[in-house]
């Protein structure tokens, strides 16, 4: 199932580790603190545990949102500017 991961973490070192973890799980970096990609239930749970451990007691929050194909078909993208790149 497609998955969106969005995070807001204060500490640079922790934020970089979260970035690396998302890349390790094959997710695509779509915004400054957002990733998107295919993860099955088990891989999503593994990533959740890794991110939870990485964040620890530091200030921040992480949203992991599975998106079904039906809802994904409703995705709309607004692109502006000469350097804008579409996601899908």
N, C-alpha and C. Protein backbone atom coordinates (compact mmCIF):
# COMPACT_ATOMS: atom_id res chain seq x y z
N UNK A 1 0.84 -1.17 0.00
CA UNK A 1 0.00 0.00 0.00
C UNK A 1 0.89 1.24 0.00
N UNK A 2 0.47 2.24 -0.74
CA UNK A 2 1.22 3.49 -0.76
C UNK A 2 1.19 4.11 0.63
N UNK A 3 2.29 4.77 0.99
CA UNK A 3 2.42 5.34 2.33
C UNK A 3 3.05 6.72 2.24
N UNK A 4 2.51 7.64 3.03
CA UNK A 4 3.07 8.97 3.16
C UNK A 4 3.67 9.08 4.55
N UNK A 5 4.89 9.58 4.64
CA UNK A 5 5.54 9.84 5.93
C UNK A 5 5.87 11.34 5.96
N UNK A 6 5.35 12.01 6.98
CA UNK A 6 5.59 13.44 7.17
C UNK A 6 6.13 13.62 8.58
N UNK A 7 7.16 14.43 8.72
CA UNK A 7 7.74 14.61 10.05
C UNK A 7 8.13 16.05 10.30
N UNK A 8 8.08 16.41 11.57
CA UNK A 8 8.48 17.73 12.03
C UNK A 8 9.34 17.50 13.27
N UNK A 9 10.65 17.59 13.11
CA UNK A 9 11.60 17.27 14.16
C UNK A 9 12.58 18.43 14.30
N UNK A 10 12.78 18.89 15.53
CA UNK A 10 13.62 20.06 15.78
C UNK A 10 15.11 19.79 15.56
N UNK A 11 15.60 18.69 16.08
CA UNK A 11 17.05 18.43 16.09
C UNK A 11 17.54 17.91 14.74
N UNK A 12 18.53 18.59 14.17
CA UNK A 12 19.06 18.23 12.85
C UNK A 12 19.54 16.79 12.78
N UNK A 13 20.28 16.33 13.78
CA UNK A 13 20.83 14.97 13.76
C UNK A 13 19.71 13.92 13.70
N UNK A 14 18.67 14.12 14.48
CA UNK A 14 17.53 13.19 14.49
C UNK A 14 16.78 13.27 13.17
N UNK A 15 16.57 14.49 12.69
CA UNK A 15 15.87 14.69 11.41
C UNK A 15 16.62 14.00 10.27
N UNK A 16 17.94 14.09 10.27
CA UNK A 16 18.74 13.43 9.23
C UNK A 16 18.62 11.91 9.31
N UNK A 17 18.55 11.37 10.52
CA UNK A 17 18.39 9.92 10.69
C UNK A 17 17.02 9.46 10.19
N UNK A 18 16.00 10.27 10.41
CA UNK A 18 14.66 9.95 9.92
C UNK A 18 14.65 9.98 8.39
N UNK A 19 15.29 10.98 7.83
CA UNK A 19 15.44 11.08 6.38
C UNK A 19 16.10 9.80 5.83
N UNK A 20 17.21 9.40 6.44
CA UNK A 20 17.93 8.21 5.99
C UNK A 20 17.09 6.95 6.12
N UNK A 21 16.34 6.83 7.19
CA UNK A 21 15.49 5.65 7.40
C UNK A 21 14.44 5.56 6.29
N UNK A 22 13.82 6.67 5.97
CA UNK A 22 12.80 6.66 4.91
C UNK A 22 13.42 6.26 3.58
N UNK A 23 14.61 6.76 3.28
CA UNK A 23 15.31 6.37 2.05
C UNK A 23 15.65 4.88 2.08
N UNK A 24 16.08 4.39 3.25
CA UNK A 24 16.42 2.97 3.39
C UNK A 24 15.23 2.07 3.07
N UNK A 25 14.03 2.55 3.33
CA UNK A 25 12.82 1.77 3.08
C UNK A 25 12.26 2.01 1.67
N UNK A 26 13.03 2.69 0.84
CA UNK A 26 12.66 2.86 -0.55
C UNK A 26 11.65 3.96 -0.82
N UNK A 27 11.41 4.81 0.15
CA UNK A 27 10.45 5.89 -0.05
C UNK A 27 11.10 7.02 -0.84
N UNK A 28 10.28 7.77 -1.56
CA UNK A 28 10.74 8.88 -2.38
C UNK A 28 10.54 10.19 -1.63
N UNK A 29 11.58 11.00 -1.62
CA UNK A 29 11.55 12.30 -0.95
C UNK A 29 10.73 13.26 -1.82
N UNK A 30 9.56 13.71 -1.33
CA UNK A 30 8.68 14.54 -2.15
C UNK A 30 8.60 16.00 -1.69
N UNK A 31 8.94 16.26 -0.46
CA UNK A 31 8.97 17.61 0.10
C UNK A 31 10.06 17.62 1.16
N UNK A 32 10.32 18.79 1.73
CA UNK A 32 11.41 18.92 2.71
C UNK A 32 11.35 17.84 3.79
N UNK A 33 10.21 17.62 4.39
CA UNK A 33 10.07 16.61 5.45
C UNK A 33 8.94 15.66 5.13
N UNK A 34 8.89 15.20 3.89
CA UNK A 34 7.82 14.29 3.47
C UNK A 34 8.36 13.26 2.48
N UNK A 35 7.88 12.03 2.65
CA UNK A 35 8.25 10.92 1.78
C UNK A 35 7.00 10.18 1.34
N UNK A 36 7.11 9.48 0.21
CA UNK A 36 5.99 8.75 -0.35
C UNK A 36 6.50 7.49 -1.02
N UNK A 37 5.78 6.39 -0.87
CA UNK A 37 6.17 5.17 -1.56
C UNK A 37 5.38 3.96 -1.12
N UNK A 38 5.75 2.82 -1.67
CA UNK A 38 5.06 1.55 -1.42
C UNK A 38 5.67 0.84 -0.22
N UNK A 39 4.83 0.52 0.77
CA UNK A 39 5.24 -0.28 1.93
C UNK A 39 4.10 -1.21 2.30
N UNK A 40 4.40 -2.49 2.46
CA UNK A 40 3.36 -3.38 2.96
C UNK A 40 3.22 -3.18 4.48
N UNK A 41 2.26 -3.85 5.06
CA UNK A 41 1.97 -3.67 6.48
C UNK A 41 3.19 -3.93 7.35
N UNK A 42 3.91 -5.02 7.08
CA UNK A 42 5.07 -5.38 7.89
C UNK A 42 6.19 -4.35 7.77
N UNK A 43 6.49 -3.93 6.54
CA UNK A 43 7.55 -2.93 6.34
C UNK A 43 7.16 -1.59 6.96
N UNK A 44 5.87 -1.24 6.89
CA UNK A 44 5.41 0.01 7.50
C UNK A 44 5.57 -0.07 9.02
N UNK A 45 5.27 -1.22 9.59
CA UNK A 45 5.42 -1.39 11.04
C UNK A 45 6.90 -1.36 11.44
N UNK A 46 7.77 -1.99 10.64
CA UNK A 46 9.21 -1.93 10.91
C UNK A 46 9.71 -0.49 10.88
N UNK A 47 9.29 0.26 9.86
CA UNK A 47 9.70 1.66 9.74
C UNK A 47 9.18 2.45 10.95
N UNK A 48 7.96 2.21 11.33
CA UNK A 48 7.39 2.91 12.49
C UNK A 48 8.23 2.67 13.74
N UNK A 49 8.63 1.43 13.97
CA UNK A 49 9.44 1.11 15.15
C UNK A 49 10.81 1.80 15.06
N UNK A 50 11.39 1.79 13.87
CA UNK A 50 12.70 2.44 13.70
C UNK A 50 12.60 3.95 13.93
N UNK A 51 11.56 4.58 13.38
CA UNK A 51 11.39 6.01 13.56
C UNK A 51 11.07 6.37 15.00
N UNK A 52 10.28 5.54 15.65
CA UNK A 52 9.95 5.77 17.06
C UNK A 52 11.22 5.72 17.92
N UNK A 53 12.07 4.75 17.65
CA UNK A 53 13.32 4.62 18.38
C UNK A 53 14.25 5.81 18.07
N UNK A 54 14.29 6.22 16.81
CA UNK A 54 15.14 7.34 16.40
C UNK A 54 14.70 8.64 17.06
N UNK A 55 13.40 8.88 17.10
CA UNK A 55 12.90 10.11 17.71
C UNK A 55 13.10 10.10 19.22
N UNK A 56 12.90 8.92 19.83
CA UNK A 56 13.08 8.80 21.28
C UNK A 56 12.26 9.83 22.02
N UNK A 57 12.88 10.58 22.89
CA UNK A 57 12.19 11.59 23.68
C UNK A 57 12.45 13.01 23.18
N UNK A 58 13.02 13.10 21.97
CA UNK A 58 13.29 14.41 21.38
C UNK A 58 11.99 15.06 20.94
N UNK A 59 11.99 16.38 20.84
CA UNK A 59 10.81 17.10 20.38
C UNK A 59 10.56 16.83 18.91
N UNK A 60 9.33 16.49 18.58
CA UNK A 60 8.97 16.27 17.20
C UNK A 60 7.77 15.36 17.07
N UNK A 61 7.31 15.21 15.85
CA UNK A 61 6.23 14.27 15.57
C UNK A 61 6.40 13.71 14.17
N UNK A 62 5.88 12.51 14.00
CA UNK A 62 5.99 11.79 12.74
C UNK A 62 4.61 11.23 12.41
N UNK A 63 4.16 11.46 11.18
CA UNK A 63 2.89 10.93 10.70
C UNK A 63 3.18 9.89 9.64
N UNK A 64 2.66 8.69 9.83
CA UNK A 64 2.79 7.62 8.84
C UNK A 64 1.38 7.29 8.39
N UNK A 65 1.09 7.57 7.13
CA UNK A 65 -0.29 7.46 6.64
C UNK A 65 -0.37 6.53 5.43
N UNK A 66 -0.99 5.34 5.60
CA UNK A 66 -1.22 4.49 4.44
C UNK A 66 -2.33 5.10 3.58
N UNK A 67 -2.19 4.95 2.26
CA UNK A 67 -3.17 5.51 1.33
C UNK A 67 -3.60 4.41 0.37
N UNK A 68 -4.89 4.13 0.33
CA UNK A 68 -5.39 3.07 -0.56
C UNK A 68 -5.43 3.58 -2.00
N UNK A 69 -5.44 2.64 -2.95
CA UNK A 69 -5.44 3.00 -4.36
C UNK A 69 -6.66 3.83 -4.74
N UNK A 70 -7.80 3.53 -4.14
CA UNK A 70 -9.02 4.28 -4.43
C UNK A 70 -8.83 5.77 -4.10
N UNK A 71 -8.29 6.04 -2.92
CA UNK A 71 -8.05 7.43 -2.53
C UNK A 71 -6.93 8.06 -3.34
N UNK A 72 -5.93 7.27 -3.68
CA UNK A 72 -4.81 7.79 -4.45
C UNK A 72 -5.26 8.27 -5.83
N UNK A 73 -6.28 7.64 -6.39
CA UNK A 73 -6.80 8.08 -7.68
C UNK A 73 -7.39 9.48 -7.60
N UNK A 74 -7.73 9.93 -6.40
CA UNK A 74 -8.29 11.27 -6.22
C UNK A 74 -7.21 12.34 -6.04
N UNK A 75 -5.95 11.92 -6.03
CA UNK A 75 -4.83 12.83 -5.84
C UNK A 75 -4.83 13.91 -6.91
N UNK A 76 -4.66 15.13 -6.49
CA UNK A 76 -4.53 16.25 -7.41
C UNK A 76 -3.26 17.00 -7.07
N UNK A 77 -2.55 17.44 -8.09
CA UNK A 77 -1.30 18.15 -7.91
C UNK A 77 -1.43 19.53 -8.53
N UNK A 78 -0.97 20.54 -7.81
CA UNK A 78 -0.91 21.90 -8.34
C UNK A 78 0.58 22.22 -8.49
N UNK A 79 0.98 22.53 -9.71
CA UNK A 79 2.39 22.79 -10.00
C UNK A 79 2.53 24.22 -10.50
N UNK A 80 3.50 24.93 -9.93
CA UNK A 80 3.74 26.30 -10.36
C UNK A 80 5.24 26.57 -10.37
N UNK A 81 5.66 27.44 -11.22
CA UNK A 81 7.06 27.83 -11.25
C UNK A 81 7.87 27.00 -12.22
N UNK A 82 8.98 27.55 -12.69
CA UNK A 82 9.80 26.87 -13.69
C UNK A 82 10.53 25.63 -13.17
N UNK A 83 10.76 25.55 -11.85
CA UNK A 83 11.50 24.42 -11.29
C UNK A 83 10.59 23.36 -10.66
N UNK A 84 9.29 23.55 -10.75
CA UNK A 84 8.35 22.61 -10.13
C UNK A 84 8.35 21.29 -10.87
N UNK A 85 8.36 20.20 -10.11
CA UNK A 85 8.39 18.86 -10.66
C UNK A 85 7.16 18.11 -10.15
N UNK A 86 6.37 17.50 -11.03
CA UNK A 86 5.19 16.75 -10.57
C UNK A 86 5.59 15.48 -9.83
N UNK A 87 4.77 15.05 -8.87
CA UNK A 87 5.03 13.85 -8.07
C UNK A 87 4.58 12.60 -8.77
N UNK A 88 3.49 12.67 -9.48
CA UNK A 88 2.95 11.47 -10.11
C UNK A 88 2.61 11.72 -11.55
